[in-house]
PDB file of N, CA and C in Angstrom:
ATOM      1  N   MET A   1      38.939  13.049 -19.798  1.00  0.00           N
ATOM      2  CA  MET A   1      38.657  11.962 -20.699  1.00  0.00           C
ATOM      3  C   MET A   1      37.755  12.491 -21.797  1.00  0.00           C
ATOM      4  N   SER A   2      38.011  12.082 -22.964  1.00  0.00           N
ATOM      5  CA  SER A   2      37.197  12.508 -24.083  1.00  0.00           C
ATOM      6  C   SER A   2      37.072  11.362 -25.063  1.00  0.00           C
ATOM      7  N   ILE A   3      35.812  11.044 -25.433  1.00  0.00           N
ATOM      8  CA  ILE A   3      35.569   9.981 -26.402  1.00  0.00           C
ATOM      9  C   ILE A   3      35.120  10.649 -27.686  1.00  0.00           C
ATOM     10  N   ASP A   4      35.860  10.416 -28.735  1.00  0.00           N
ATOM     11  CA  ASP A   4      35.552  11.047 -30.009  1.00  0.00           C
ATOM     12  C   ASP A   4      35.129   9.979 -31.002  1.00  0.00           C
ATOM     13  N   VAL A   5      33.867  10.027 -31.420  1.00  0.00           N
ATOM     14  CA  VAL A   5      33.349   9.074 -32.386  1.00  0.00           C
ATOM     15  C   VAL A   5      33.073   9.832 -33.672  1.00  0.00           C
ATOM     16  N   GLU A   6      33.869   9.571 -34.680  1.00  0.00           N
ATOM     17  CA  GLU A   6      33.719  10.205 -35.989  1.00  0.00           C
ATOM     18  C   GLU A   6      33.564  11.722 -35.889  1.00  0.00           C
ATOM     19  N   GLY A   7      34.417  12.303 -35.095  1.00  0.00           N
ATOM     20  CA  GLY A   7      34.432  13.751 -35.023  1.00  0.00           C
ATOM     21  C   GLY A   7      33.417  14.357 -34.065  1.00  0.00           C
ATOM     22  N   VAL A   8      32.597  13.530 -33.390  1.00  0.00           N
ATOM     23  CA  VAL A   8      31.603  14.043 -32.452  1.00  0.00           C
ATOM     24  C   VAL A   8      32.119  13.811 -31.044  1.00  0.00           C
ATOM     25  N   ASP A   9      32.225  14.866 -30.259  1.00  0.00           N
ATOM     26  CA  ASP A   9      32.706  14.774 -28.886  1.00  0.00           C
ATOM     27  C   ASP A   9      31.524  14.422 -27.986  1.00  0.00           C
ATOM     28  N   MET A  10      31.442  13.145 -27.556  1.00  0.00           N
ATOM     29  CA  MET A  10      30.295  12.690 -26.767  1.00  0.00           C
ATOM     30  C   MET A  10      30.446  12.999 -25.283  1.00  0.00           C
ATOM     31  N   PHE A  11      31.637  12.795 -24.742  1.00  0.00           N
ATOM     32  CA  PHE A  11      31.865  13.028 -23.321  1.00  0.00           C
ATOM     33  C   PHE A  11      33.097  13.890 -23.149  1.00  0.00           C
ATOM     34  N   SER A  12      32.940  14.900 -22.386  1.00  0.00           N
ATOM     35  CA  SER A  12      34.086  15.725 -22.000  1.00  0.00           C
ATOM     36  C   SER A  12      34.049  15.827 -20.497  1.00  0.00           C
ATOM     37  N   LEU A  13      34.806  14.971 -19.832  1.00  0.00           N
ATOM     38  CA  LEU A  13      34.810  14.937 -18.375  1.00  0.00           C
ATOM     39  C   LEU A  13      36.161  15.382 -17.861  1.00  0.00           C
ATOM     40  N   THR A  14      36.104  16.178 -16.807  1.00  0.00           N
ATOM     41  CA  THR A  14      37.350  16.545 -16.145  1.00  0.00           C
ATOM     42  C   THR A  14      37.807  15.354 -15.323  1.00  0.00           C
ATOM     43  N   GLU A  15      39.007  15.436 -14.840  1.00  0.00           N
ATOM     44  CA  GLU A  15      39.549  14.346 -14.023  1.00  0.00           C
ATOM     45  C   GLU A  15      38.715  14.154 -12.755  1.00  0.00           C
ATOM     46  N   ASP A  16      38.279  15.245 -12.130  1.00  0.00           N
ATOM     47  CA  ASP A  16      37.459  15.162 -10.915  1.00  0.00           C
ATOM     48  C   ASP A  16      36.093  14.544 -11.219  1.00  0.00           C
ATOM     49  N   GLU A  17      35.499  14.919 -12.353  1.00  0.00           N
ATOM     50  CA  GLU A  17      34.209  14.341 -12.734  1.00  0.00           C
ATOM     51  C   GLU A  17      34.331  12.845 -12.985  1.00  0.00           C
ATOM     52  N   LEU A  18      35.420  12.444 -13.599  1.00  0.00           N
ATOM     53  CA  LEU A  18      35.663  11.026 -13.847  1.00  0.00           C
ATOM     54  C   LEU A  18      35.814  10.255 -12.531  1.00  0.00           C
ATOM     55  N   LYS A  19      36.528  10.854 -11.572  1.00  0.00           N
ATOM     56  CA  LYS A  19      36.686  10.214 -10.261  1.00  0.00           C
ATOM     57  C   LYS A  19      35.329  10.049  -9.566  1.00  0.00           C
ATOM     58  N   VAL A  20      34.481  11.070  -9.641  1.00  0.00           N
ATOM     59  CA  VAL A  20      33.146  11.008  -9.029  1.00  0.00           C
ATOM     60  C   VAL A  20      32.314   9.924  -9.705  1.00  0.00           C
ATOM     61  N   LEU A  21      32.371   9.868 -11.021  1.00  0.00           N
ATOM     62  CA  LEU A  21      31.619   8.862 -11.768  1.00  0.00           C
ATOM     63  C   LEU A  21      32.063   7.450 -11.397  1.00  0.00           C
ATOM     64  N   ILE A  22      33.348   7.241 -11.295  1.00  0.00           N
ATOM     65  CA  ILE A  22      33.871   5.922 -10.897  1.00  0.00           C
ATOM     66  C   ILE A  22      33.462   5.603  -9.466  1.00  0.00           C
ATOM     67  N   PHE A  23      33.519   6.593  -8.574  1.00  0.00           N
ATOM     68  CA  PHE A  23      33.111   6.386  -7.185  1.00  0.00           C
ATOM     69  C   PHE A  23      31.636   5.983  -7.092  1.00  0.00           C
ATOM     70  N   VAL A  24      30.767   6.694  -7.799  1.00  0.00           N
ATOM     71  CA  VAL A  24      29.329   6.390  -7.783  1.00  0.00           C
ATOM     72  C   VAL A  24      29.082   4.988  -8.319  1.00  0.00           C
ATOM     73  N   PHE A  25      29.763   4.629  -9.382  1.00  0.00           N
ATOM     74  CA  PHE A  25      29.620   3.286  -9.947  1.00  0.00           C
ATOM     75  C   PHE A  25      30.045   2.219  -8.927  1.00  0.00           C
ATOM     76  N   CYS A  26      31.162   2.436  -8.248  1.00  0.00           N
ATOM     77  CA  CYS A  26      31.653   1.465  -7.254  1.00  0.00           C
ATOM     78  C   CYS A  26      30.686   1.337  -6.070  1.00  0.00           C
ATOM     79  N   VAL A  27      30.149   2.447  -5.617  1.00  0.00           N
ATOM     80  CA  VAL A  27      29.186   2.417  -4.513  1.00  0.00           C
ATOM     81  C   VAL A  27      27.921   1.663  -4.932  1.00  0.00           C
ATOM     82  N   ALA A  28      27.444   1.926  -6.146  1.00  0.00           N
ATOM     83  CA  ALA A  28      26.257   1.221  -6.636  1.00  0.00           C
ATOM     84  C   ALA A  28      26.528  -0.268  -6.746  1.00  0.00           C
ATOM     85  N   LEU A  29      27.674  -0.630  -7.258  1.00  0.00           N
ATOM     86  CA  LEU A  29      28.040  -2.044  -7.390  1.00  0.00           C
ATOM     87  C   LEU A  29      28.137  -2.711  -6.021  1.00  0.00           C
ATOM     88  N   ALA A  30      28.720  -2.019  -5.048  1.00  0.00           N
ATOM     89  CA  ALA A  30      28.812  -2.558  -3.687  1.00  0.00           C
ATOM     90  C   ALA A  30      27.418  -2.737  -3.093  1.00  0.00           C
ATOM     91  N   GLY A  31      26.532  -1.769  -3.332  1.00  0.00           N
ATOM     92  CA  GLY A  31      25.159  -1.870  -2.828  1.00  0.00           C
ATOM     93  C   GLY A  31      24.433  -3.067  -3.401  1.00  0.00           C
ATOM     94  N   VAL A  32      24.589  -3.309  -4.686  1.00  0.00           N
ATOM     95  CA  VAL A  32      23.960  -4.474  -5.316  1.00  0.00           C
ATOM     96  C   VAL A  32      24.510  -5.763  -4.696  1.00  0.00           C
ATOM     97  N   GLY A  33      25.806  -5.813  -4.462  1.00  0.00           N
ATOM     98  CA  GLY A  33      26.415  -7.000  -3.855  1.00  0.00           C
ATOM     99  C   GLY A  33      25.925  -7.240  -2.435  1.00  0.00           C
ATOM    100  N   ILE A  34      25.839  -6.191  -1.654  1.00  0.00           N
ATOM    101  CA  ILE A  34      25.360  -6.309  -0.275  1.00  0.00           C
ATOM    102  C   ILE A  34      23.893  -6.736  -0.257  1.00  0.00           C
ATOM    103  N   ASN A  35      23.094  -6.128  -1.112  1.00  0.00           N
ATOM    104  CA  ASN A  35      21.677  -6.487  -1.193  1.00  0.00           C
ATOM    105  C   ASN A  35      21.514  -7.967  -1.532  1.00  0.00           C
ATOM    106  N   HIS A  36      22.278  -8.435  -2.479  1.00  0.00           N
ATOM    107  CA  HIS A  36      22.209  -9.848  -2.866  1.00  0.00           C
ATOM    108  C   HIS A  36      22.625 -10.750  -1.699  1.00  0.00           C
ATOM    109  N   ALA A  37      23.711 -10.393  -1.030  1.00  0.00           N
ATOM    110  CA  ALA A  37      24.190 -11.201   0.095  1.00  0.00           C
ATOM    111  C   ALA A  37      23.156 -11.271   1.214  1.00  0.00           C
ATOM    112  N   VAL A  38      22.501 -10.149   1.504  1.00  0.00           N
ATOM    113  CA  VAL A  38      21.478 -10.128   2.553  1.00  0.00           C
ATOM    114  C   VAL A  38      20.320 -11.039   2.172  1.00  0.00           C
ATOM    115  N   LYS A  39      19.875 -10.983   0.927  1.00  0.00           N
ATOM    116  CA  LYS A  39      18.763 -11.828   0.491  1.00  0.00           C
ATOM    117  C   LYS A  39      19.117 -13.301   0.527  1.00  0.00           C
ATOM    118  N   VAL A  40      20.348 -13.634   0.220  1.00  0.00           N
ATOM    119  CA  VAL A  40      20.768 -15.034   0.172  1.00  0.00           C
ATOM    120  C   VAL A  40      21.010 -15.596   1.569  1.00  0.00           C
ATOM    121  N   PHE A  41      21.672 -14.842   2.419  1.00  0.00           N
ATOM    122  CA  PHE A  41      22.107 -15.382   3.705  1.00  0.00           C
ATOM    123  C   PHE A  41      21.229 -15.031   4.894  1.00  0.00           C
ATOM    124  N   ILE A  42      20.331 -14.057   4.763  1.00  0.00           N
ATOM    125  CA  ILE A  42      19.478 -13.662   5.879  1.00  0.00           C
ATOM    126  C   ILE A  42      18.035 -13.613   5.397  1.00  0.00           C
ATOM    127  N   PRO A  43      17.247 -14.660   5.662  1.00  0.00           N
ATOM    128  CA  PRO A  43      15.839 -14.634   5.237  1.00  0.00           C
ATOM    129  C   PRO A  43      15.092 -13.465   5.875  1.00  0.00           C
ATOM    130  N   ALA A  44      14.175 -12.886   5.132  1.00  0.00           N
ATOM    131  CA  ALA A  44      13.444 -11.702   5.585  1.00  0.00           C
ATOM    132  C   ALA A  44      12.703 -11.936   6.889  1.00  0.00           C
ATOM    133  N   LYS A  45      12.135 -13.130   7.085  1.00  0.00           N
ATOM    134  CA  LYS A  45      11.375 -13.331   8.308  1.00  0.00           C
ATOM    135  C   LYS A  45      12.277 -13.274   9.544  1.00  0.00           C
ATOM    136  N   ASN A  46      13.572 -13.567   9.399  1.00  0.00           N
ATOM    137  CA  ASN A  46      14.489 -13.430  10.527  1.00  0.00           C
ATOM    138  C   ASN A  46      14.825 -11.972  10.786  1.00  0.00           C
ATOM    139  N   ILE A  47      14.913 -11.180   9.743  1.00  0.00           N
ATOM    140  CA  ILE A  47      15.216  -9.762   9.907  1.00  0.00           C
ATOM    141  C   ILE A  47      14.092  -9.075  10.659  1.00  0.00           C
ATOM    142  N   LEU A  48      12.869  -9.394  10.314  1.00  0.00           N
ATOM    143  CA  LEU A  48      11.717  -8.747  10.917  1.00  0.00           C
ATOM    144  C   LEU A  48      11.235  -9.435  12.188  1.00  0.00           C
ATOM    145  N   CYS A  49      11.843 -10.569  12.524  1.00  0.00           N
ATOM    146  CA  CYS A  49      11.447 -11.353  13.690  1.00  0.00           C
ATOM    147  C   CYS A  49       9.982 -11.767  13.614  1.00  0.00           C
ATOM    148  N   LEU A  50       9.513 -12.057  12.430  1.00  0.00           N
ATOM    149  CA  LEU A  50       8.143 -12.494  12.231  1.00  0.00           C
ATOM    150  C   LEU A  50       8.166 -13.905  11.685  1.00  0.00           C
ATOM    151  N   ASP A  51       7.118 -14.638  11.963  1.00  0.00           N
ATOM    152  CA  ASP A  51       6.988 -15.935  11.330  1.00  0.00           C
ATOM    153  C   ASP A  51       5.727 -15.937  10.490  1.00  0.00           C
ATOM    154  N   GLU A  52       5.505 -17.022   9.800  1.00  0.00           N
ATOM    155  CA  GLU A  52       4.371 -17.065   8.883  1.00  0.00           C
ATOM    156  C   GLU A  52       3.028 -17.003   9.595  1.00  0.00           C
ATOM    157  N   ASP A  53       2.987 -17.250  10.907  1.00  0.00           N
ATOM    158  CA  ASP A  53       1.737 -17.218  11.658  1.00  0.00           C
ATOM    159  C   ASP A  53       1.495 -15.883  12.355  1.00  0.00           C
ATOM    160  N   PHE A  54       2.347 -14.894  12.117  1.00  0.00           N
ATOM    161  CA  PHE A  54       2.196 -13.600  12.766  1.00  0.00           C
ATOM    162  C   PHE A  54       0.844 -12.988  12.404  1.00  0.00           C
ATOM    163  N   GLY A  55       0.096 -12.579  13.406  1.00  0.00           N
ATOM    164  CA  GLY A  55      -1.194 -11.939  13.191  1.00  0.00           C
ATOM    165  C   GLY A  55      -2.364 -12.894  13.059  1.00  0.00           C
ATOM    166  N   LYS A  56      -2.091 -14.184  13.088  1.00  0.00           N
ATOM    167  CA  LYS A  56      -3.169 -15.167  12.966  1.00  0.00           C
ATOM    168  C   LYS A  56      -3.728 -15.503  14.344  1.00  0.00           C
ATOM    169  N   ILE A  57      -4.949 -16.001  14.351  1.00  0.00           N
ATOM    170  CA  ILE A  57      -5.611 -16.372  15.598  1.00  0.00           C
ATOM    171  C   ILE A  57      -5.249 -17.811  15.934  1.00  0.00           C
ATOM    172  N   ASP A  58      -4.851 -18.036  17.183  1.00  0.00           N
ATOM    173  CA  ASP A  58      -4.518 -19.391  17.635  1.00  0.00           C
ATOM    174  C   ASP A  58      -5.803 -20.189  17.811  1.00  0.00           C
ATOM    175  N   ILE A  59      -5.943 -21.210  17.021  1.00  0.00           N
ATOM    176  CA  ILE A  59      -7.162 -22.033  17.031  1.00  0.00           C
ATOM    177  C   ILE A  59      -7.380 -22.706  18.388  1.00  0.00           C
ATOM    178  N   ASN A  60      -6.321 -22.938  19.141  1.00  0.00           N
ATOM    179  CA  ASN A  60      -6.436 -23.637  20.421  1.00  0.00           C
ATOM    180  C   ASN A  60      -6.790 -22.723  21.589  1.00  0.00           C
ATOM    181  N   SER A  61      -6.693 -21.420  21.400  1.00  0.00           N
ATOM    182  CA  SER A  61      -7.019 -20.525  22.518  1.00  0.00           C
ATOM    183  C   SER A  61      -8.085 -19.483  22.155  1.00  0.00           C
ATOM    184  N   ALA A  62      -8.496 -19.442  20.908  1.00  0.00           N
ATOM    185  CA  ALA A  62      -9.487 -18.445  20.479  1.00  0.00           C
ATOM    186  C   ALA A  62     -10.833 -18.709  21.127  1.00  0.00           C
ATOM    187  N   ASP A  63     -11.472 -17.633  21.564  1.00  0.00           N
ATOM    188  CA  ASP A  63     -12.826 -17.792  22.095  1.00  0.00           C
ATOM    189  C   ASP A  63     -13.830 -17.650  20.953  1.00  0.00           C
ATOM    190  N   LYS A  64     -15.088 -17.834  21.276  1.00  0.00           N
ATOM    191  CA  LYS A  64     -16.152 -17.824  20.267  1.00  0.00           C
ATOM    192  C   LYS A  64     -16.185 -16.502  19.499  1.00  0.00           C
ATOM    193  N   GLU A  65     -16.049 -15.386  20.211  1.00  0.00           N
ATOM    194  CA  GLU A  65     -16.111 -14.072  19.572  1.00  0.00           C
ATOM    195  C   GLU A  65     -14.961 -13.874  18.586  1.00  0.00           C
ATOM    196  N   GLN A  66     -13.775 -14.328  18.942  1.00  0.00           N
ATOM    197  CA  GLN A  66     -12.628 -14.211  18.033  1.00  0.00           C
ATOM    198  C   GLN A  66     -12.851 -15.045  16.772  1.00  0.00           C
ATOM    199  N   LEU A  67     -13.351 -16.247  16.950  1.00  0.00           N
ATOM    200  CA  LEU A  67     -13.590 -17.116  15.800  1.00  0.00           C
ATOM    201  C   LEU A  67     -14.662 -16.538  14.880  1.00  0.00           C
ATOM    202  N   GLU A  68     -15.679 -15.929  15.450  1.00  0.00           N
ATOM    203  CA  GLU A  68     -16.762 -15.363  14.654  1.00  0.00           C
ATOM    204  C   GLU A  68     -16.308 -14.187  13.790  1.00  0.00           C
ATOM    205  N   LYS A  69     -15.213 -13.564  14.136  1.00  0.00           N
ATOM    206  CA  LYS A  69     -14.695 -12.436  13.360  1.00  0.00           C
ATOM    207  C   LYS A  69     -14.012 -12.891  12.075  1.00  0.00           C
ATOM    208  N   ILE A  70     -13.738 -14.169  11.977  1.00  0.00           N
ATOM    209  CA  ILE A  70     -13.080 -14.704  10.786  1.00  0.00           C
ATOM    210  C   ILE A  70     -14.122 -14.879   9.689  1.00  0.00           C
ATOM    211  N   PRO A  71     -13.848 -14.328   8.508  1.00  0.00           N
ATOM    212  CA  PRO A  71     -14.805 -14.492   7.398  1.00  0.00           C
ATOM    213  C   PRO A  71     -15.056 -15.974   7.107  1.00  0.00           C
ATOM    214  N   GLY A  72     -16.324 -16.357   7.109  1.00  0.00           N
ATOM    215  CA  GLY A  72     -16.680 -17.753   6.840  1.00  0.00           C
ATOM    216  C   GLY A  72     -17.015 -18.552   8.088  1.00  0.00           C
ATOM    217  N   ILE A  73     -16.805 -17.953   9.264  1.00  0.00           N
ATOM    218  CA  ILE A  73     -17.134 -18.641  10.514  1.00  0.00           C
ATOM    219  C   ILE A  73     -18.224 -17.851  11.225  1.00  0.00           C
ATOM    220  N   GLY A  74     -19.347 -18.506  11.421  1.00  0.00           N
ATOM    221  CA  GLY A  74     -20.461 -17.896  12.144  1.00  0.00           C
ATOM    222  C   GLY A  74     -20.538 -18.451  13.556  1.00  0.00           C
ATOM    223  N   LYS A  75     -21.651 -18.159  14.241  1.00  0.00           N
ATOM    224  CA  LYS A  75     -21.825 -18.599  15.634  1.00  0.00           C
ATOM    225  C   LYS A  75     -21.784 -20.115  15.770  1.00  0.00           C
ATOM    226  N   LYS A  76     -22.561 -20.806  14.945  1.00  0.00           N
ATOM    227  CA  LYS A  76     -22.647 -22.269  15.043  1.00  0.00           C
ATOM    228  C   LYS A  76     -21.304 -22.926  14.763  1.00  0.00           C
ATOM    229  N   LEU A  77     -20.619 -22.473  13.721  1.00  0.00           N
ATOM    230  CA  LEU A  77     -19.335 -23.075  13.372  1.00  0.00           C
ATOM    231  C   LEU A  77     -18.284 -22.776  14.438  1.00  0.00           C
ATOM    232  N   ALA A  78     -18.330 -21.589  15.007  1.00  0.00           N
ATOM    233  CA  ALA A  78     -17.404 -21.254  16.095  1.00  0.00           C
ATOM    234  C   ALA A  78     -17.625 -22.197  17.277  1.00  0.00           C
ATOM    235  N   GLU A  79     -18.884 -22.465  17.592  1.00  0.00           N
ATOM    236  CA  GLU A  79     -19.193 -23.404  18.679  1.00  0.00           C
ATOM    237  C   GLU A  79     -18.677 -24.805  18.354  1.00  0.00           C
ATOM    238  N   ARG A  80     -18.863 -25.248  17.120  1.00  0.00           N
ATOM    239  CA  ARG A  80     -18.389 -26.579  16.718  1.00  0.00           C
ATOM    240  C   ARG A  80     -16.865 -26.678  16.791  1.00  0.00           C
ATOM    241  N   ILE A  81     -16.190 -25.607  16.398  1.00  0.00           N
ATOM    242  CA  ILE A  81     -14.721 -25.606  16.453  1.00  0.00           C
ATOM    243  C   ILE A  81     -14.254 -25.743  17.899  1.00  0.00           C
ATOM    244  N   ILE A  82     -14.860 -24.979  18.802  1.00  0.00           N
ATOM    245  CA  ILE A  82     -14.473 -25.034  20.216  1.00  0.00           C
ATOM    246  C   ILE A  82     -14.765 -26.415  20.792  1.00  0.00           C
ATOM    247  N   GLU A  83     -15.922 -26.965  20.480  1.00  0.00           N
ATOM    248  CA  GLU A  83     -16.277 -28.301  20.958  1.00  0.00           C
ATOM    249  C   GLU A  83     -15.304 -29.349  20.411  1.00  0.00           C
ATOM    250  N   PHE A  84     -14.984 -29.248  19.139  1.00  0.00           N
ATOM    251  CA  PHE A  84     -14.080 -30.185  18.481  1.00  0.00           C
ATOM    252  C   PHE A  84     -12.698 -30.160  19.121  1.00  0.00           C
ATOM    253  N   ARG A  85     -12.166 -28.963  19.371  1.00  0.00           N
ATOM    254  CA  ARG A  85     -10.820 -28.882  19.962  1.00  0.00           C
ATOM    255  C   ARG A  85     -10.809 -29.333  21.412  1.00  0.00           C
ATOM    256  N   GLU A  86     -11.926 -29.096  22.146  1.00  0.00           N
ATOM    257  CA  GLU A  86     -11.981 -29.538  23.535  1.00  0.00           C
ATOM    258  C   GLU A  86     -12.046 -31.053  23.638  1.00  0.00           C
ATOM    259  N   GLU A  87     -12.755 -31.685  22.695  1.00  0.00           N
ATOM    260  CA  GLU A  87     -12.829 -33.158  22.679  1.00  0.00           C
ATOM    261  C   GLU A  87     -11.459 -33.779  22.440  1.00  0.00           C
ATOM    262  N   ARG A  88     -10.594 -33.077  21.762  1.00  0.00           N
ATOM    263  CA  ARG A  88      -9.280 -33.607  21.400  1.00  0.00           C
ATOM    264  C   ARG A  88      -8.152 -32.995  22.227  1.00  0.00           C
ATOM    265  N   ALA A  89      -8.486 -32.214  23.226  1.00  0.00           N
ATOM    266  CA  ALA A  89      -7.497 -31.524  24.060  1.00  0.00           C
ATOM    267  C   ALA A  89      -6.586 -30.651  23.193  1.00  0.00           C
ATOM    268  N   GLY A  90      -7.176 -29.993  22.205  1.00  0.00           N
ATOM    269  CA  GLY A  90      -6.425 -29.087  21.336  1.00  0.00           C
ATOM    270  C   GLY A  90      -6.118 -29.712  19.995  1.00  0.00           C
ATOM    271  N   LEU A  91      -5.845 -28.858  19.047  1.00  0.00           N
ATOM    272  CA  LEU A  91      -5.506 -29.306  17.705  1.00  0.00           C
ATOM    273  C   LEU A  91      -4.005 -29.196  17.505  1.00  0.00           C
ATOM    274  N   SER A  92      -3.451 -30.116  16.747  1.00  0.00           N
ATOM    275  CA  SER A  92      -2.023 -30.064  16.468  1.00  0.00           C
ATOM    276  C   SER A  92      -1.741 -29.554  15.062  1.00  0.00           C
ATOM    277  N   ASP A  93      -2.793 -29.439  14.246  1.00  0.00           N
ATOM    278  CA  ASP A  93      -2.632 -28.999  12.862  1.00  0.00           C
ATOM    279  C   ASP A  93      -3.937 -28.381  12.372  1.00  0.00           C
ATOM    280  N   ILE A  94      -3.831 -27.336  11.600  1.00  0.00           N
ATOM    281  CA  ILE A  94      -5.012 -26.660  11.046  1.00  0.00           C
ATOM    282  C   ILE A  94      -5.831 -27.617  10.190  1.00  0.00           C
ATOM    283  N   GLU A  95      -5.173 -28.560   9.550  1.00  0.00           N
ATOM    284  CA  GLU A  95      -5.865 -29.534   8.686  1.00  0.00           C
ATOM    285  C   GLU A  95      -6.960 -30.289   9.442  1.00  0.00           C
ATOM    286  N   GLN A  96      -6.822 -30.421  10.751  1.00  0.00           N
ATOM    287  CA  GLN A  96      -7.813 -31.136  11.542  1.00  0.00           C
ATOM    288  C   GLN A  96      -9.182 -30.468  11.483  1.00  0.00           C
ATOM    289  N   LEU A  97      -9.223 -29.197  11.130  1.00  0.00           N
ATOM    290  CA  LEU A  97     -10.507 -28.500  11.006  1.00  0.00           C
ATOM    291  C   LEU A  97     -11.409 -29.168   9.974  1.00  0.00           C
ATOM    292  N   ARG A  98     -10.818 -29.852   9.028  1.00  0.00           N
ATOM    293  CA  ARG A  98     -11.600 -30.515   7.978  1.00  0.00           C
ATOM    294  C   ARG A  98     -12.550 -31.571   8.553  1.00  0.00           C
ATOM    295  N   GLY A  99     -12.295 -32.014   9.772  1.00  0.00           N
ATOM    296  CA  GLY A  99     -13.136 -33.009  10.415  1.00  0.00           C
ATOM    297  C   GLY A  99     -14.369 -32.431  11.085  1.00  0.00           C
ATOM    298  N   ILE A 100     -14.569 -31.143  11.000  1.00  0.00           N
ATOM    299  CA  ILE A 100     -15.703 -30.473  11.640  1.00  0.00           C
ATOM    300  C   ILE A 100     -16.839 -30.326  10.645  1.00  0.00           C
ATOM    301  N   LYS A 101     -18.032 -30.676  11.092  1.00  0.00           N
ATOM    302  CA  LYS A 101     -19.218 -30.534  10.247  1.00  0.00           C
ATOM    303  C   LYS A 101     -19.357 -29.069   9.831  1.00  0.00           C
ATOM    304  N   GLY A 102     -19.537 -28.847   8.546  1.00  0.00           N
ATOM    305  CA  GLY A 102     -19.719 -27.499   8.032  1.00  0.00           C
ATOM    306  C   GLY A 102     -18.463 -26.900   7.431  1.00  0.00           C
ATOM    307  N   ILE A 103     -17.333 -27.558   7.612  1.00  0.00           N
ATOM    308  CA  ILE A 103     -16.103 -27.051   7.009  1.00  0.00           C
ATOM    309  C   ILE A 103     -15.832 -27.846   5.731  1.00  0.00           C
ATOM    310  N   THR A 104     -16.287 -27.275   4.643  1.00  0.00           N
ATOM    311  CA  THR A 104     -16.057 -27.865   3.327  1.00  0.00           C
ATOM    312  C   THR A 104     -14.658 -27.459   2.864  1.00  0.00           C
ATOM    313  N   ASP A 105     -14.236 -27.995   1.742  1.00  0.00           N
ATOM    314  CA  ASP A 105     -12.929 -27.609   1.205  1.00  0.00           C
ATOM    315  C   ASP A 105     -12.875 -26.108   0.930  1.00  0.00           C
ATOM    316  N   ALA A 106     -13.939 -25.574   0.378  1.00  0.00           N
ATOM    317  CA  ALA A 106     -13.975 -24.142   0.062  1.00  0.00           C
ATOM    318  C   ALA A 106     -13.888 -23.299   1.332  1.00  0.00           C
ATOM    319  N   ARG A 107     -14.650 -23.682   2.358  1.00  0.00           N
ATOM    320  CA  ARG A 107     -14.622 -22.916   3.607  1.00  0.00           C
ATOM    321  C   ARG A 107     -13.264 -23.064   4.290  1.00  0.00           C
ATOM    322  N   TYR A 108     -12.706 -24.262   4.277  1.00  0.00           N
ATOM    323  CA  TYR A 108     -11.388 -24.487   4.869  1.00  0.00           C
ATOM    324  C   TYR A 108     -10.358 -23.559   4.199  1.00  0.00           C
ATOM    325  N   ASN A 109     -10.380 -23.531   2.879  1.00  0.00           N
ATOM    326  CA  ASN A 109      -9.429 -22.683   2.148  1.00  0.00           C
ATOM    327  C   ASN A 109      -9.636 -21.206   2.454  1.00  0.00           C
ATOM    328  N   LYS A 110     -10.841 -20.834   2.804  1.00  0.00           N
ATOM    329  CA  LYS A 110     -11.147 -19.438   3.135  1.00  0.00           C
ATOM    330  C   LYS A 110     -10.650 -19.067   4.537  1.00  0.00           C
ATOM    331  N   VAL A 111     -10.775 -19.968   5.492  1.00  0.00           N
ATOM    332  CA  VAL A 111     -10.447 -19.633   6.883  1.00  0.00           C
ATOM    333  C   VAL A 111      -9.018 -19.986   7.300  1.00  0.00           C
ATOM    334  N   LYS A 112      -8.370 -20.893   6.598  1.00  0.00           N
ATOM    335  CA  LYS A 112      -7.064 -21.383   7.040  1.00  0.00           C
ATOM    336  C   LYS A 112      -6.013 -20.269   7.144  1.00  0.00           C
ATOM    337  N   ASN A 113      -6.133 -19.236   6.333  1.00  0.00           N
ATOM    338  CA  ASN A 113      -5.142 -18.165   6.355  1.00  0.00           C
ATOM    339  C   ASN A 113      -5.291 -17.236   7.550  1.00  0.00           C
ATOM    340  N   TYR A 114      -6.361 -17.398   8.295  1.00  0.00           N
ATOM    341  CA  TYR A 114      -6.584 -16.561   9.484  1.00  0.00           C
ATOM    342  C   TYR A 114      -6.208 -17.281  10.784  1.00  0.00           C
ATOM    343  N   LEU A 115      -5.906 -18.565  10.681  1.00  0.00           N
ATOM    344  CA  LEU A 115      -5.704 -19.389  11.866  1.00  0.00           C
ATOM    345  C   LEU A 115      -4.315 -19.980  11.942  1.00  0.00           C
ATOM    346  N   ALA A 116      -3.885 -20.244  13.170  1.00  0.00           N
ATOM    347  CA  ALA A 116      -2.591 -20.892  13.410  1.00  0.00           C
ATOM    348  C   ALA A 116      -2.749 -21.840  14.590  1.00  0.00           C
ATOM    349  N   VAL A 117      -1.856 -22.806  14.669  1.00  0.00           N
ATOM    350  CA  VAL A 117      -1.795 -23.706  15.823  1.00  0.00           C
ATOM    351  C   VAL A 117      -0.516 -23.371  16.566  1.00  0.00           C
ATOM    352  N   ARG A 118      -0.668 -22.957  17.803  1.00  0.00           N
ATOM    353  CA  ARG A 118       0.513 -22.613  18.610  1.00  0.00           C
ATOM    354  C   ARG A 118       0.598 -23.498  19.810  1.00  0.00           C
TER     355      ARG A 118
END
């Protein structure tokens, strides 16, 4: 194949080179299609077998020491959290933490990403 633009030979490909170029293009196009299909039909969290709470501390089973490791939770607040959940036989939602003395909106927003309800 040869493309001649105003007397300038831009591409001089042999038949084998042209076949390789077409093959590479087709493989790349197939890869883009497969990648798109995987993103559309298989959510990433299913591929990795992870959920949004992976790595978070379960608020209903965490002991005082585990709670104290969370930035924004000290000894007193950890004790209040444990007392609060025991009074209610466990929490059903992280939002319930807002009912604990010392958990302001700012502190709640800081600690909520470390906790889960299981």
